[in-house]
Amino acid sequence: MQLKNKIMMVLFSLIGIIALIYLSWLSFRPVEIVAVHQRNNYSSILVKSFPFTDKGKIDWWLKNKDALKANYDIPKPASYGGFTITIWLFKDGYKEEGKYDRLCFDDMNTKINCIDKNSVFTIRNSKNRGITFTVDDAIYREEENGKIVRLEY
């Protein structure tokens, strides 16, 4: 009975190590920006791979916001300063509108200009709240001192 327990312990440890390596690999993959679409003060960034933790997503934005401004001129705030940037996973490429609830981009001169809606992160700037980050079911706000706080409801 002892040998069987030792084998099970080694097996579970091995599975745990493999899972940890896989999660680490997922966390450290570079984000690939496939395309950026702009309409007024709304921007859509299509990406392959994106951090899966709230902290990872917010850190990615904070680290890359200047490069996004320099390379893609986003955000483009409205006259009152508000903007919205949504990060979408770009899994299967562009598709025709066909299916219900696809997001289509008017700035593409083709019928294959839609994606399946799979947003992973949204950054907003508004008069009342300032910069906020929406991740799954949580909303975080960047305070004036740069501190990120989770909003409670």
C-alpha atoms as a PDB file:
ATOM      1  CA  MET A   1       0.000   0.000   0.000  1.00  0.00           C
ATOM      2  CA  GLN A   2       2.904   2.379   0.729  1.00  0.00           C
ATOM      3  CA  LEU A   3       4.325   2.054  -2.808  1.00  0.00           C
ATOM      4  CA  LYS A   4       0.947   2.888  -4.343  1.00  0.00           C
ATOM      5  CA  ASN A   5       0.685   6.052  -2.183  1.00  0.00           C
ATOM      6  CA  LYS A   6       4.204   7.124  -3.172  1.00  0.00           C
ATOM      7  CA  ILE A   7       3.439   6.618  -6.858  1.00  0.00           C
ATOM      8  CA  MET A   8       0.228   8.655  -6.542  1.00  0.00           C
ATOM      9  CA  MET A   9       2.097  11.421  -4.713  1.00  0.00           C
ATOM     10  CA  VAL A  10       4.777  11.562  -7.427  1.00  0.00           C
ATOM     11  CA  LEU A  11       2.106  11.543 -10.143  1.00  0.00           C
ATOM     12  CA  PHE A  12       0.157  14.416  -8.547  1.00  0.00           C
ATOM     13  CA  SER A  13       3.369  16.378  -8.026  1.00  0.00           C
ATOM     14  CA  LEU A  14       4.325  15.888 -11.672  1.00  0.00           C
ATOM     15  CA  ILE A  15       0.881  17.027 -12.851  1.00  0.00           C
ATOM     16  CA  GLY A  16       1.145  20.084 -10.585  1.00  0.00           C
ATOM     17  CA  ILE A  17       4.556  20.996 -11.956  1.00  0.00           C
ATOM     18  CA  ILE A  18       3.366  20.640 -15.555  1.00  0.00           C
ATOM     19  CA  ALA A  19       0.303  22.792 -14.819  1.00  0.00           C
ATOM     20  CA  LEU A  20       2.499  25.443 -13.184  1.00  0.00           C
ATOM     21  CA  ILE A  21       4.858  25.514 -16.181  1.00  0.00           C
ATOM     22  CA  TYR A  22       1.910  25.810 -18.586  1.00  0.00           C
ATOM     23  CA  LEU A  23       0.320  28.667 -16.601  1.00  0.00           C
ATOM     24  CA  SER A  24       3.674  30.444 -16.431  1.00  0.00           C
ATOM     25  CA  TRP A  25       4.054  30.096 -20.194  1.00  0.00           C
ATOM     26  CA  LEU A  26       0.553  31.536 -20.708  1.00  0.00           C
ATOM     27  CA  SER A  27       1.378  34.465 -18.427  1.00  0.00           C
ATOM     28  CA  PHE A  28       4.599  35.429 -20.157  1.00  0.00           C
ATOM     29  CA  ARG A  29       3.612  35.067 -23.811  1.00  0.00           C
ATOM     30  CA  PRO A  30       3.983  38.343 -25.644  1.00  0.00           C
ATOM     31  CA  VAL A  31       0.773  40.082 -26.678  1.00  0.00           C
ATOM     32  CA  GLU A  32       0.480  40.215 -30.462  1.00  0.00           C
ATOM     33  CA  ILE A  33      -1.570  43.144 -31.735  1.00  0.00           C
ATOM     34  CA  VAL A  34      -3.224  42.014 -34.966  1.00  0.00           C
ATOM     35  CA  ALA A  35      -5.181  45.166 -35.813  1.00  0.00           C
ATOM     36  CA  VAL A  36      -6.537  48.404 -34.395  1.00  0.00           C
ATOM     37  CA  HIS A  37      -9.866  49.881 -35.448  1.00  0.00           C
ATOM     38  CA  GLN A  38     -10.963  53.403 -34.581  1.00  0.00           C
ATOM     39  CA  ARG A  39     -14.386  55.028 -34.646  1.00  0.00           C
ATOM     40  CA  ASN A  40     -14.670  58.465 -33.037  1.00  0.00           C
ATOM     41  CA  ASN A  41     -13.480  58.084 -29.435  1.00  0.00           C
ATOM     42  CA  TYR A  42     -13.898  54.271 -29.458  1.00  0.00           C
ATOM     43  CA  SER A  43     -10.936  52.040 -30.229  1.00  0.00           C
ATOM     44  CA  SER A  44     -10.818  48.277 -30.702  1.00  0.00           C
ATOM     45  CA  ILE A  45      -7.530  46.442 -30.371  1.00  0.00           C
ATOM     46  CA  LEU A  46      -7.508  42.889 -31.731  1.00  0.00           C
ATOM     47  CA  VAL A  47      -4.924  40.670 -30.055  1.00  0.00           C
ATOM     48  CA  LYS A  48      -3.634  37.145 -30.044  1.00  0.00           C
ATOM     49  CA  SER A  49      -2.829  36.083 -26.500  1.00  0.00           C
ATOM     50  CA  PHE A  50      -3.399  38.401 -23.588  1.00  0.00           C
ATOM     51  CA  PRO A  51      -2.605  38.179 -19.883  1.00  0.00           C
ATOM     52  CA  PHE A  52      -5.341  36.292 -18.039  1.00  0.00           C
ATOM     53  CA  THR A  53      -5.101  37.904 -14.606  1.00  0.00           C
ATOM     54  CA  ASP A  54      -6.599  41.287 -13.774  1.00  0.00           C
ATOM     55  CA  LYS A  55      -3.201  42.536 -12.631  1.00  0.00           C
ATOM     56  CA  GLY A  56      -1.532  41.263 -15.806  1.00  0.00           C
ATOM     57  CA  LYS A  57      -4.053  43.064 -18.021  1.00  0.00           C
ATOM     58  CA  ILE A  58      -3.769  46.351 -16.155  1.00  0.00           C
ATOM     59  CA  ASP A  59       0.037  46.107 -16.045  1.00  0.00           C
ATOM     60  CA  TRP A  60       0.075  45.459 -19.817  1.00  0.00           C
ATOM     61  CA  TRP A  61      -1.939  48.642 -20.414  1.00  0.00           C
ATOM     62  CA  LEU A  62       0.214  50.753 -18.102  1.00  0.00           C
ATOM     63  CA  LYS A  63       3.385  49.451 -19.747  1.00  0.00           C
ATOM     64  CA  ASN A  64       2.129  49.853 -23.334  1.00  0.00           C
ATOM     65  CA  LYS A  65      -0.165  52.906 -23.329  1.00  0.00           C
ATOM     66  CA  ASP A  66       2.555  55.269 -24.573  1.00  0.00           C
ATOM     67  CA  ALA A  67       3.531  52.894 -27.402  1.00  0.00           C
ATOM     68  CA  LEU A  68      -0.143  52.497 -28.374  1.00  0.00           C
ATOM     69  CA  LYS A  69      -0.452  56.285 -28.573  1.00  0.00           C
ATOM     70  CA  ALA A  70       2.747  56.608 -30.612  1.00  0.00           C
ATOM     71  CA  ASN A  71       2.080  53.688 -32.988  1.00  0.00           C
ATOM     72  CA  TYR A  72      -1.722  53.747 -33.370  1.00  0.00           C
ATOM     73  CA  ASP A  73      -2.735  57.198 -32.077  1.00  0.00           C
ATOM     74  CA  ILE A  74      -5.049  55.720 -29.473  1.00  0.00           C
ATOM     75  CA  PRO A  75      -6.814  56.724 -27.428  1.00  0.00           C
ATOM     76  CA  LYS A  76      -8.512  59.470 -29.408  1.00  0.00           C
ATOM     77  CA  PRO A  77     -10.535  61.278 -26.770  1.00  0.00           C
ATOM     78  CA  ALA A  78     -13.762  63.086 -27.589  1.00  0.00           C
ATOM     79  CA  SER A  79     -13.868  66.857 -27.102  1.00  0.00           C
ATOM     80  CA  TYR A  80     -14.921  66.333 -23.468  1.00  0.00           C
ATOM     81  CA  GLY A  81     -11.990  63.946 -22.859  1.00  0.00           C
ATOM     82  CA  GLY A  82     -13.839  60.629 -22.760  1.00  0.00           C
ATOM     83  CA  PHE A  83     -12.668  57.539 -24.594  1.00  0.00           C
ATOM     84  CA  THR A  84     -13.158  53.778 -24.618  1.00  0.00           C
ATOM     85  CA  ILE A  85     -10.620  51.158 -25.681  1.00  0.00           C
ATOM     86  CA  THR A  86     -11.714  47.543 -25.866  1.00  0.00           C
ATOM     87  CA  ILE A  87      -9.260  44.666 -26.234  1.00  0.00           C
ATOM     88  CA  TRP A  88     -10.730  41.741 -28.206  1.00  0.00           C
ATOM     89  CA  LEU A  89      -9.267  38.266 -28.620  1.00  0.00           C
ATOM     90  CA  PHE A  90      -8.715  37.625 -32.328  1.00  0.00           C
ATOM     91  CA  LYS A  91      -8.931  33.844 -32.457  1.00  0.00           C
ATOM     92  CA  ASP A  92     -10.360  32.797 -35.796  1.00  0.00           C
ATOM     93  CA  GLY A  93      -9.722  35.854 -37.944  1.00  0.00           C
ATOM     94  CA  TYR A  94     -12.191  38.116 -39.678  1.00  0.00           C
ATOM     95  CA  LYS A  95     -15.547  36.693 -40.765  1.00  0.00           C
ATOM     96  CA  GLU A  96     -18.655  37.790 -42.616  1.00  0.00           C
ATOM     97  CA  GLU A  97     -21.408  39.323 -40.527  1.00  0.00           C
ATOM     98  CA  GLY A  98     -23.665  36.233 -40.831  1.00  0.00           C
ATOM     99  CA  LYS A  99     -23.704  35.056 -37.220  1.00  0.00           C
ATOM    100  CA  TYR A 100     -25.636  36.882 -34.521  1.00  0.00           C
ATOM    101  CA  ASP A 101     -23.672  39.203 -32.256  1.00  0.00           C
ATOM    102  CA  ARG A 102     -20.530  39.743 -34.271  1.00  0.00           C
ATOM    103  CA  LEU A 103     -18.676  43.036 -34.150  1.00  0.00           C
ATOM    104  CA  CYS A 104     -18.098  44.520 -37.608  1.00  0.00           C
ATOM    105  CA  PHE A 105     -15.678  47.287 -38.541  1.00  0.00           C
ATOM    106  CA  ASP A 106     -16.781  49.961 -41.017  1.00  0.00           C
ATOM    107  CA  ASP A 107     -13.203  50.981 -41.749  1.00  0.00           C
ATOM    108  CA  MET A 108     -12.623  47.793 -43.774  1.00  0.00           C
ATOM    109  CA  ASN A 109     -13.758  47.776 -47.390  1.00  0.00           C
ATOM    110  CA  THR A 110     -14.748  44.103 -47.498  1.00  0.00           C
ATOM    111  CA  LYS A 111     -17.613  41.853 -46.418  1.00  0.00           C
ATOM    112  CA  ILE A 112     -15.197  39.892 -44.246  1.00  0.00           C
ATOM    113  CA  ASN A 113     -14.869  42.607 -41.603  1.00  0.00           C
ATOM    114  CA  CYS A 114     -16.376  41.093 -38.439  1.00  0.00           C
ATOM    115  CA  ILE A 115     -15.108  39.239 -35.383  1.00  0.00           C
ATOM    116  CA  ASP A 116     -16.777  37.099 -32.782  1.00  0.00           C
ATOM    117  CA  LYS A 117     -17.232  39.214 -29.665  1.00  0.00           C
ATOM    118  CA  ASN A 118     -14.722  38.051 -27.085  1.00  0.00           C
ATOM    119  CA  SER A 119     -13.602  41.115 -25.138  1.00  0.00           C
ATOM    120  CA  VAL A 120     -10.990  40.612 -22.459  1.00  0.00           C
ATOM    121  CA  PHE A 121     -10.307  44.140 -21.213  1.00  0.00           C
ATOM    122  CA  THR A 122     -11.763  47.641 -21.463  1.00  0.00           C
ATOM    123  CA  ILE A 123     -10.161  50.964 -20.598  1.00  0.00           C
ATOM    124  CA  ARG A 124     -12.409  54.017 -20.193  1.00  0.00           C
ATOM    125  CA  ASN A 125     -11.882  57.640 -19.361  1.00  0.00           C
ATOM    126  CA  SER A 126     -14.872  59.655 -18.153  1.00  0.00           C
ATOM    127  CA  LYS A 127     -15.416  62.953 -16.383  1.00  0.00           C
ATOM    128  CA  ASN A 128     -16.927  61.348 -13.294  1.00  0.00           C
ATOM    129  CA  ARG A 129     -14.635  58.360 -12.760  1.00  0.00           C
ATOM    130  CA  GLY A 130     -11.438  59.146 -14.601  1.00  0.00           C
ATOM    131  CA  ILE A 131      -9.567  56.119 -15.960  1.00  0.00           C
ATOM    132  CA  THR A 132     -11.266  52.785 -15.239  1.00  0.00           C
ATOM    133  CA  PHE A 133     -10.406  49.233 -16.237  1.00  0.00           C
ATOM    134  CA  THR A 134     -13.111  46.610 -16.710  1.00  0.00           C
ATOM    135  CA  VAL A 135     -11.995  42.998 -16.433  1.00  0.00           C
ATOM    136  CA  ASP A 136     -14.600  40.227 -16.388  1.00  0.00           C
ATOM    137  CA  ASP A 137     -16.863  41.210 -13.475  1.00  0.00           C
ATOM    138  CA  ALA A 138     -14.503  43.680 -11.796  1.00  0.00           C
ATOM    139  CA  ILE A 139     -13.896  47.382 -12.302  1.00  0.00           C
ATOM    140  CA  TYR A 140     -10.702  49.106 -11.206  1.00  0.00           C
ATOM    141  CA  ARG A 141      -9.981  52.832 -11.099  1.00  0.00           C
ATOM    142  CA  GLU A 142      -6.674  54.594 -11.458  1.00  0.00           C
ATOM    143  CA  GLU A 143      -6.452  57.240  -8.778  1.00  0.00           C
ATOM    144  CA  GLU A 144      -4.667  60.570  -9.268  1.00  0.00           C
ATOM    145  CA  ASN A 145      -1.597  59.240  -7.456  1.00  0.00           C
ATOM    146  CA  GLY A 146      -1.412  56.295  -9.916  1.00  0.00           C
ATOM    147  CA  LYS A 147      -2.673  53.722  -7.438  1.00  0.00           C
ATOM    148  CA  ILE A 148      -5.103  51.153  -8.883  1.00  0.00           C
ATOM    149  CA  VAL A 149      -8.089  50.350  -6.667  1.00  0.00           C
ATOM    150  CA  ARG A 150     -10.891  47.874  -7.172  1.00  0.00           C
ATOM    151  CA  LEU A 151     -14.333  49.496  -7.037  1.00  0.00           C
ATOM    152  CA  GLU A 152     -16.823  47.809  -4.757  1.00  0.00           C
ATOM    153  CA  TYR A 153     -20.550  47.796  -5.430  1.00  0.00           C
END
